[in-house]
Amino acid sequence: MAITETVGAERAGAAKETTLPQQVVVTDAAAALIDKLRAKHGPVMFHQSGGCCDGSSPMCYPAGEFLVGDSDVLLGEVHGAKFYISKPQFEYWKHTQLILDVVPGRGGMFSLENGEGVRFLIRSKVFTDEEIAVLRSAGRI
């Protein structure tokens, strides 16, 4: 479901590999909704441009329909869908793992889940000091 990367680091002449923490992950409920939307609309993507904390809602678009640029950061992939976040939001949330979930409600007006009776929702987990160090050494934050 999610991407795992391995980062090599030289320590005292010996190579040490560390698993890069995933900056965005998906719950089973969100993966099921992504599958449903993909069946209707083809490949999808996500963009998080607002919200400061848990409960924020990313937008889901057909892949390539939302134009990303220099002001966006590719945070990772969730269930085969690219997940972008605006640079200002990334700076605010870079020390947290975003968890894409689903709750009852209405999606954003232009988000693909609108009309499904549910909406995507962001939950978060603060990275440990060790995870932050690994992300920093990999140039991810």
N, C-alpha and C. Protein backbone atom coordinates (compact mmCIF):
# COMPACT_ATOMS: atom_id res chain seq x y z
N MET A 1 0.80 -1.19 0.00
CA MET A 1 0.00 0.00 0.00
C MET A 1 0.84 1.26 0.00
N ALA A 2 1.94 1.25 0.72
CA ALA A 2 2.72 2.46 0.85
C ALA A 2 4.15 2.19 0.39
N ILE A 3 4.86 3.28 0.19
CA ILE A 3 6.23 3.18 -0.30
C ILE A 3 7.18 3.12 0.88
N THR A 4 8.14 2.24 0.82
CA THR A 4 9.21 2.18 1.81
C THR A 4 10.51 2.35 1.06
N GLU A 5 11.37 3.23 1.56
CA GLU A 5 12.66 3.44 0.94
C GLU A 5 13.74 3.07 1.94
N THR A 6 14.87 2.69 1.44
CA THR A 6 16.01 2.40 2.30
C THR A 6 17.08 3.44 2.03
N VAL A 7 17.61 3.98 3.10
CA VAL A 7 18.63 5.01 3.00
C VAL A 7 19.93 4.43 3.53
N GLY A 8 21.00 4.52 2.74
CA GLY A 8 22.30 4.05 3.19
C GLY A 8 23.06 5.19 3.85
N ALA A 9 23.74 4.92 4.95
CA ALA A 9 24.51 5.93 5.64
C ALA A 9 25.84 5.34 6.07
N GLU A 10 26.92 6.07 5.87
CA GLU A 10 28.24 5.61 6.29
C GLU A 10 28.44 5.96 7.75
N ARG A 11 28.77 4.99 8.55
CA ARG A 11 29.06 5.21 9.97
C ARG A 11 30.29 4.40 10.33
N ALA A 12 31.34 5.05 10.78
CA ALA A 12 32.58 4.39 11.22
C ALA A 12 33.08 3.40 10.18
N GLY A 13 32.97 3.78 8.89
CA GLY A 13 33.51 2.94 7.83
C GLY A 13 32.61 1.81 7.39
N ALA A 14 31.47 1.59 8.06
CA ALA A 14 30.55 0.51 7.68
C ALA A 14 29.24 1.12 7.23
N ALA A 15 28.65 0.52 6.22
CA ALA A 15 27.37 1.02 5.72
C ALA A 15 26.25 0.56 6.63
N LYS A 16 25.34 1.47 6.91
CA LYS A 16 24.17 1.16 7.72
C LYS A 16 22.94 1.56 6.91
N GLU A 17 21.99 0.67 6.81
CA GLU A 17 20.77 0.98 6.08
C GLU A 17 19.66 1.28 7.07
N THR A 18 18.90 2.32 6.76
CA THR A 18 17.80 2.75 7.61
C THR A 18 16.56 2.87 6.74
N THR A 19 15.43 2.43 7.28
CA THR A 19 14.18 2.56 6.54
C THR A 19 13.67 3.99 6.66
N LEU A 20 13.38 4.60 5.53
CA LEU A 20 12.86 5.95 5.49
C LEU A 20 11.39 5.94 5.93
N PRO A 21 11.05 6.69 6.97
CA PRO A 21 9.65 6.72 7.40
C PRO A 21 8.75 7.25 6.29
N GLN A 22 7.59 6.67 6.16
CA GLN A 22 6.62 7.12 5.17
C GLN A 22 5.98 8.41 5.66
N GLN A 23 5.94 9.41 4.81
CA GLN A 23 5.41 10.70 5.21
C GLN A 23 3.89 10.78 5.03
N VAL A 24 3.34 9.87 4.26
CA VAL A 24 1.89 9.78 4.11
C VAL A 24 1.53 8.31 3.97
N VAL A 25 0.51 7.88 4.70
CA VAL A 25 0.03 6.50 4.65
C VAL A 25 -1.49 6.53 4.50
N VAL A 26 -2.06 5.35 4.28
CA VAL A 26 -3.49 5.26 4.00
C VAL A 26 -4.12 4.17 4.88
N THR A 27 -5.33 4.42 5.34
CA THR A 27 -6.06 3.39 6.08
C THR A 27 -6.75 2.45 5.09
N ASP A 28 -7.22 1.32 5.58
CA ASP A 28 -7.94 0.38 4.72
C ASP A 28 -9.20 1.02 4.13
N ALA A 29 -9.90 1.82 4.94
CA ALA A 29 -11.13 2.49 4.46
C ALA A 29 -10.80 3.46 3.32
N ALA A 30 -9.71 4.20 3.47
CA ALA A 30 -9.32 5.14 2.41
C ALA A 30 -8.88 4.38 1.16
N ALA A 31 -8.16 3.27 1.33
CA ALA A 31 -7.75 2.47 0.18
C ALA A 31 -8.97 1.95 -0.58
N ALA A 32 -9.99 1.51 0.16
CA ALA A 32 -11.21 1.01 -0.50
C ALA A 32 -11.91 2.12 -1.27
N LEU A 33 -11.94 3.33 -0.72
CA LEU A 33 -12.56 4.45 -1.44
C LEU A 33 -11.73 4.83 -2.66
N ILE A 34 -10.41 4.79 -2.54
CA ILE A 34 -9.56 5.06 -3.71
C ILE A 34 -9.85 4.05 -4.81
N ASP A 35 -10.00 2.78 -4.46
CA ASP A 35 -10.34 1.75 -5.45
C ASP A 35 -11.67 2.07 -6.13
N LYS A 36 -12.66 2.46 -5.34
CA LYS A 36 -13.99 2.80 -5.89
C LYS A 36 -13.90 3.99 -6.84
N LEU A 37 -13.18 5.02 -6.43
CA LEU A 37 -13.04 6.20 -7.29
C LEU A 37 -12.23 5.90 -8.53
N ARG A 38 -11.20 5.08 -8.40
CA ARG A 38 -10.38 4.69 -9.54
C ARG A 38 -11.22 3.91 -10.56
N ALA A 39 -12.13 3.06 -10.09
CA ALA A 39 -13.00 2.30 -10.99
C ALA A 39 -13.92 3.23 -11.79
N LYS A 40 -14.32 4.33 -11.17
CA LYS A 40 -15.22 5.29 -11.84
C LYS A 40 -14.48 6.30 -12.72
N HIS A 41 -13.29 6.74 -12.25
CA HIS A 41 -12.63 7.89 -12.87
C HIS A 41 -11.25 7.61 -13.44
N GLY A 42 -10.73 6.41 -13.25
CA GLY A 42 -9.37 6.12 -13.67
C GLY A 42 -8.38 6.52 -12.58
N PRO A 43 -7.09 6.64 -12.92
CA PRO A 43 -6.09 6.98 -11.91
C PRO A 43 -6.43 8.30 -11.20
N VAL A 44 -6.09 8.35 -9.91
CA VAL A 44 -6.39 9.54 -9.12
C VAL A 44 -5.12 10.07 -8.45
N MET A 45 -5.23 11.29 -7.94
CA MET A 45 -4.15 11.95 -7.20
C MET A 45 -4.76 12.75 -6.07
N PHE A 46 -3.94 13.16 -5.11
CA PHE A 46 -4.41 13.96 -3.99
C PHE A 46 -3.58 15.23 -3.88
N HIS A 47 -4.24 16.28 -3.37
CA HIS A 47 -3.53 17.53 -3.07
C HIS A 47 -4.07 18.09 -1.76
N GLN A 48 -3.15 18.39 -0.84
CA GLN A 48 -3.50 19.01 0.44
C GLN A 48 -2.98 20.44 0.40
N SER A 49 -3.89 21.41 0.35
CA SER A 49 -3.44 22.79 0.24
C SER A 49 -3.84 23.65 1.43
N GLY A 50 -4.66 23.13 2.31
CA GLY A 50 -5.09 23.92 3.45
C GLY A 50 -5.27 23.05 4.67
N GLY A 51 -5.65 23.68 5.75
CA GLY A 51 -5.85 22.96 7.00
C GLY A 51 -4.57 22.94 7.79
N CYS A 52 -4.73 22.99 9.09
CA CYS A 52 -3.55 23.09 9.95
C CYS A 52 -3.36 21.86 10.82
N CYS A 53 -4.32 20.96 10.80
CA CYS A 53 -4.24 19.90 11.80
C CYS A 53 -5.15 18.73 11.42
N ASP A 54 -5.24 17.77 12.35
CA ASP A 54 -6.13 16.63 12.11
C ASP A 54 -7.52 17.14 11.73
N GLY A 55 -8.15 16.43 10.82
CA GLY A 55 -9.49 16.80 10.38
C GLY A 55 -9.50 17.56 9.07
N SER A 56 -8.34 17.97 8.58
CA SER A 56 -8.28 18.65 7.29
C SER A 56 -8.62 17.66 6.18
N SER A 57 -9.10 18.17 5.08
CA SER A 57 -9.51 17.31 3.97
C SER A 57 -8.69 17.58 2.72
N PRO A 58 -7.94 16.59 2.26
CA PRO A 58 -7.26 16.75 0.97
C PRO A 58 -8.26 16.60 -0.16
N MET A 59 -7.92 17.14 -1.29
CA MET A 59 -8.77 17.00 -2.47
C MET A 59 -8.27 15.83 -3.32
N CYS A 60 -9.21 15.08 -3.87
CA CYS A 60 -8.90 13.95 -4.75
C CYS A 60 -9.34 14.33 -6.16
N TYR A 61 -8.43 14.21 -7.11
CA TYR A 61 -8.69 14.58 -8.51
C TYR A 61 -8.31 13.43 -9.43
N PRO A 62 -8.86 13.44 -10.66
CA PRO A 62 -8.30 12.51 -11.66
C PRO A 62 -6.82 12.84 -11.83
N ALA A 63 -5.98 11.84 -11.93
CA ALA A 63 -4.54 12.06 -12.06
C ALA A 63 -4.25 13.01 -13.21
N GLY A 64 -3.44 14.03 -12.94
CA GLY A 64 -3.05 15.00 -13.96
C GLY A 64 -4.03 16.14 -14.14
N GLU A 65 -5.20 16.08 -13.53
CA GLU A 65 -6.18 17.16 -13.73
C GLU A 65 -5.84 18.39 -12.89
N PHE A 66 -5.24 18.19 -11.75
CA PHE A 66 -4.80 19.30 -10.92
C PHE A 66 -3.33 19.56 -11.27
N LEU A 67 -3.03 20.76 -11.71
CA LEU A 67 -1.67 21.08 -12.11
C LEU A 67 -0.82 21.42 -10.89
N VAL A 68 0.21 20.63 -10.68
CA VAL A 68 1.13 20.91 -9.58
C VAL A 68 2.33 21.66 -10.14
N GLY A 69 2.97 22.40 -9.25
CA GLY A 69 4.11 23.19 -9.71
C GLY A 69 5.17 23.31 -8.63
N ASP A 70 5.99 24.36 -8.75
CA ASP A 70 7.09 24.58 -7.82
C ASP A 70 6.62 24.83 -6.40
N SER A 71 5.37 25.19 -6.22
CA SER A 71 4.87 25.48 -4.88
C SER A 71 4.24 24.24 -4.23
N ASP A 72 4.46 23.08 -4.83
CA ASP A 72 3.91 21.83 -4.31
C ASP A 72 5.03 20.82 -4.05
N VAL A 73 4.82 19.97 -3.05
CA VAL A 73 5.78 18.94 -2.67
C VAL A 73 5.11 17.58 -2.85
N LEU A 74 5.78 16.66 -3.55
CA LEU A 74 5.28 15.29 -3.65
C LEU A 74 5.65 14.61 -2.34
N LEU A 75 4.64 14.35 -1.51
CA LEU A 75 4.89 13.76 -0.20
C LEU A 75 5.11 12.26 -0.30
N GLY A 76 4.46 11.63 -1.27
CA GLY A 76 4.58 10.18 -1.46
C GLY A 76 3.41 9.66 -2.25
N GLU A 77 3.19 8.36 -2.15
CA GLU A 77 2.05 7.72 -2.80
C GLU A 77 1.25 6.97 -1.76
N VAL A 78 -0.06 6.99 -1.93
CA VAL A 78 -0.96 6.21 -1.08
C VAL A 78 -1.80 5.33 -1.99
N HIS A 79 -1.66 4.04 -1.82
CA HIS A 79 -2.45 3.07 -2.58
C HIS A 79 -2.37 3.37 -4.09
N GLY A 80 -1.15 3.69 -4.55
CA GLY A 80 -0.92 3.93 -5.97
C GLY A 80 -1.31 5.31 -6.46
N ALA A 81 -1.68 6.22 -5.56
CA ALA A 81 -2.07 7.58 -5.95
C ALA A 81 -1.06 8.57 -5.39
N LYS A 82 -0.54 9.45 -6.24
CA LYS A 82 0.41 10.46 -5.77
C LYS A 82 -0.30 11.43 -4.82
N PHE A 83 0.43 11.83 -3.78
CA PHE A 83 -0.11 12.73 -2.76
C PHE A 83 0.81 13.94 -2.67
N TYR A 84 0.28 15.10 -3.06
CA TYR A 84 1.02 16.36 -3.04
C TYR A 84 0.51 17.23 -1.90
N ILE A 85 1.38 18.11 -1.45
CA ILE A 85 1.01 19.07 -0.42
C ILE A 85 1.66 20.40 -0.78
N SER A 86 0.97 21.50 -0.51
CA SER A 86 1.56 22.80 -0.81
C SER A 86 2.77 23.04 0.09
N LYS A 87 3.75 23.78 -0.40
CA LYS A 87 4.97 24.03 0.37
C LYS A 87 4.69 24.64 1.74
N PRO A 88 3.79 25.65 1.84
CA PRO A 88 3.51 26.19 3.18
C PRO A 88 2.93 25.13 4.13
N GLN A 89 2.07 24.28 3.63
CA GLN A 89 1.51 23.21 4.46
C GLN A 89 2.59 22.21 4.82
N PHE A 90 3.46 21.88 3.88
CA PHE A 90 4.55 20.95 4.14
C PHE A 90 5.44 21.49 5.27
N GLU A 91 5.77 22.77 5.22
CA GLU A 91 6.61 23.36 6.26
C GLU A 91 5.95 23.23 7.62
N TYR A 92 4.65 23.38 7.66
CA TYR A 92 3.91 23.27 8.92
C TYR A 92 3.86 21.83 9.42
N TRP A 93 3.69 20.87 8.50
CA TRP A 93 3.46 19.47 8.86
C TRP A 93 4.65 18.55 8.63
N LYS A 94 5.81 19.06 8.28
CA LYS A 94 6.91 18.18 7.89
C LYS A 94 7.39 17.25 8.99
N HIS A 95 7.06 17.53 10.21
CA HIS A 95 7.47 16.67 11.33
C HIS A 95 6.40 15.65 11.70
N THR A 96 5.39 15.51 10.86
CA THR A 96 4.31 14.56 11.14
C THR A 96 4.08 13.65 9.95
N GLN A 97 3.62 12.45 10.26
CA GLN A 97 3.19 11.51 9.24
C GLN A 97 1.71 11.78 9.02
N LEU A 98 1.32 12.00 7.77
CA LEU A 98 -0.10 12.21 7.46
C LEU A 98 -0.74 10.85 7.21
N ILE A 99 -1.92 10.67 7.78
CA ILE A 99 -2.67 9.41 7.65
C ILE A 99 -3.97 9.74 6.92
N LEU A 100 -4.11 9.25 5.69
CA LEU A 100 -5.31 9.48 4.90
C LEU A 100 -6.38 8.50 5.34
N ASP A 101 -7.51 9.02 5.82
CA ASP A 101 -8.60 8.20 6.32
C ASP A 101 -9.90 8.66 5.66
N VAL A 102 -11.00 8.01 6.03
CA VAL A 102 -12.32 8.33 5.49
C VAL A 102 -13.30 8.42 6.65
N VAL A 103 -14.18 9.42 6.58
CA VAL A 103 -15.24 9.57 7.58
C VAL A 103 -16.55 9.90 6.86
N PRO A 104 -17.69 9.67 7.51
CA PRO A 104 -18.96 10.07 6.90
C PRO A 104 -18.99 11.58 6.66
N GLY A 105 -19.63 11.99 5.60
CA GLY A 105 -19.74 13.42 5.30
C GLY A 105 -19.69 13.67 3.81
N ARG A 106 -19.53 14.94 3.46
CA ARG A 106 -19.46 15.34 2.06
C ARG A 106 -18.05 15.79 1.73
N GLY A 107 -17.56 15.32 0.62
CA GLY A 107 -16.24 15.74 0.15
C GLY A 107 -16.29 17.16 -0.38
N GLY A 108 -15.12 17.73 -0.62
CA GLY A 108 -15.04 19.07 -1.19
C GLY A 108 -15.75 19.12 -2.53
N MET A 109 -16.21 20.31 -2.89
CA MET A 109 -17.03 20.47 -4.10
C MET A 109 -16.38 19.87 -5.34
N PHE A 110 -15.06 19.97 -5.47
CA PHE A 110 -14.39 19.47 -6.67
C PHE A 110 -13.65 18.17 -6.42
N SER A 111 -13.76 17.63 -5.21
CA SER A 111 -13.08 16.38 -4.89
C SER A 111 -13.93 15.20 -5.35
N LEU A 112 -13.29 14.18 -5.90
CA LEU A 112 -14.01 13.06 -6.51
C LEU A 112 -14.92 12.30 -5.57
N GLU A 113 -14.66 12.33 -4.25
CA GLU A 113 -15.52 11.57 -3.34
C GLU A 113 -16.81 12.31 -3.01
N ASN A 114 -16.95 13.56 -3.49
CA ASN A 114 -18.18 14.30 -3.26
C ASN A 114 -19.36 13.50 -3.84
N GLY A 115 -20.38 13.31 -3.03
CA GLY A 115 -21.55 12.54 -3.47
C GLY A 115 -21.48 11.07 -3.06
N GLU A 116 -20.39 10.65 -2.47
CA GLU A 116 -20.24 9.25 -2.04
C GLU A 116 -20.74 9.02 -0.62
N GLY A 117 -21.08 10.11 0.09
CA GLY A 117 -21.54 9.99 1.48
C GLY A 117 -20.41 9.91 2.50
N VAL A 118 -19.17 10.02 2.00
CA VAL A 118 -17.98 10.02 2.85
C VAL A 118 -17.01 11.06 2.32
N ARG A 119 -16.02 11.38 3.14
CA ARG A 119 -14.98 12.31 2.69
C ARG A 119 -13.64 11.85 3.22
N PHE A 120 -12.59 12.21 2.48
CA PHE A 120 -11.25 11.94 2.95
C PHE A 120 -10.93 12.90 4.09
N LEU A 121 -10.12 12.43 5.03
CA LEU A 121 -9.77 13.20 6.20
C LEU A 121 -8.32 12.90 6.57
N ILE A 122 -7.61 13.90 7.02
CA ILE A 122 -6.22 13.71 7.45
C ILE A 122 -6.16 13.57 8.97
N ARG A 123 -5.47 12.53 9.38
CA ARG A 123 -5.08 12.37 10.78
C ARG A 123 -3.55 12.46 10.76
N SER A 124 -2.94 12.58 11.91
CA SER A 124 -1.48 12.71 11.89
C SER A 124 -0.85 12.06 13.11
N LYS A 125 0.44 11.76 12.94
CA LYS A 125 1.28 11.21 14.00
C LYS A 125 2.60 11.95 13.94
N VAL A 126 3.03 12.51 15.06
CA VAL A 126 4.31 13.21 15.09
C VAL A 126 5.44 12.19 14.99
N PHE A 127 6.40 12.46 14.11
CA PHE A 127 7.54 11.58 13.98
C PHE A 127 8.39 11.62 15.25
N THR A 128 9.03 10.51 15.55
CA THR A 128 9.97 10.47 16.66
C THR A 128 11.23 11.24 16.28
N ASP A 129 12.07 11.54 17.26
CA ASP A 129 13.34 12.21 16.97
C ASP A 129 14.18 11.39 16.01
N GLU A 130 14.16 10.07 16.16
CA GLU A 130 14.94 9.20 15.28
C GLU A 130 14.41 9.25 13.85
N GLU A 131 13.09 9.25 13.70
CA GLU A 131 12.50 9.33 12.35
C GLU A 131 12.82 10.67 11.71
N ILE A 132 12.76 11.74 12.48
CA ILE A 132 13.09 13.06 11.95
C ILE A 132 14.54 13.09 11.49
N ALA A 133 15.43 12.51 12.25
CA ALA A 133 16.85 12.47 11.86
C ALA A 133 17.04 11.73 10.54
N VAL A 134 16.33 10.62 10.36
CA VAL A 134 16.44 9.85 9.12
C VAL A 134 15.88 10.66 7.95
N LEU A 135 14.74 11.31 8.14
CA LEU A 135 14.16 12.14 7.08
C LEU A 135 15.08 13.30 6.72
N ARG A 136 15.69 13.90 7.71
CA ARG A 136 16.64 15.01 7.46
C ARG A 136 17.85 14.51 6.67
N SER A 137 18.40 13.36 7.09
CA SER A 137 19.60 12.85 6.40
C SER A 137 19.29 12.46 4.97
N ALA A 138 18.04 12.13 4.68
CA ALA A 138 17.63 11.78 3.32
C ALA A 138 17.20 13.00 2.51
N GLY A 139 17.23 14.19 3.14
CA GLY A 139 16.84 15.41 2.43
C GLY A 139 15.34 15.55 2.23
N ARG A 140 14.56 14.83 3.00
CA ARG A 140 13.09 14.88 2.86
C ARG A 140 12.46 16.00 3.68
N ILE A 141 13.16 16.46 4.71
CA ILE A 141 12.66 17.62 5.49
C ILE A 141 13.82 18.56 5.78
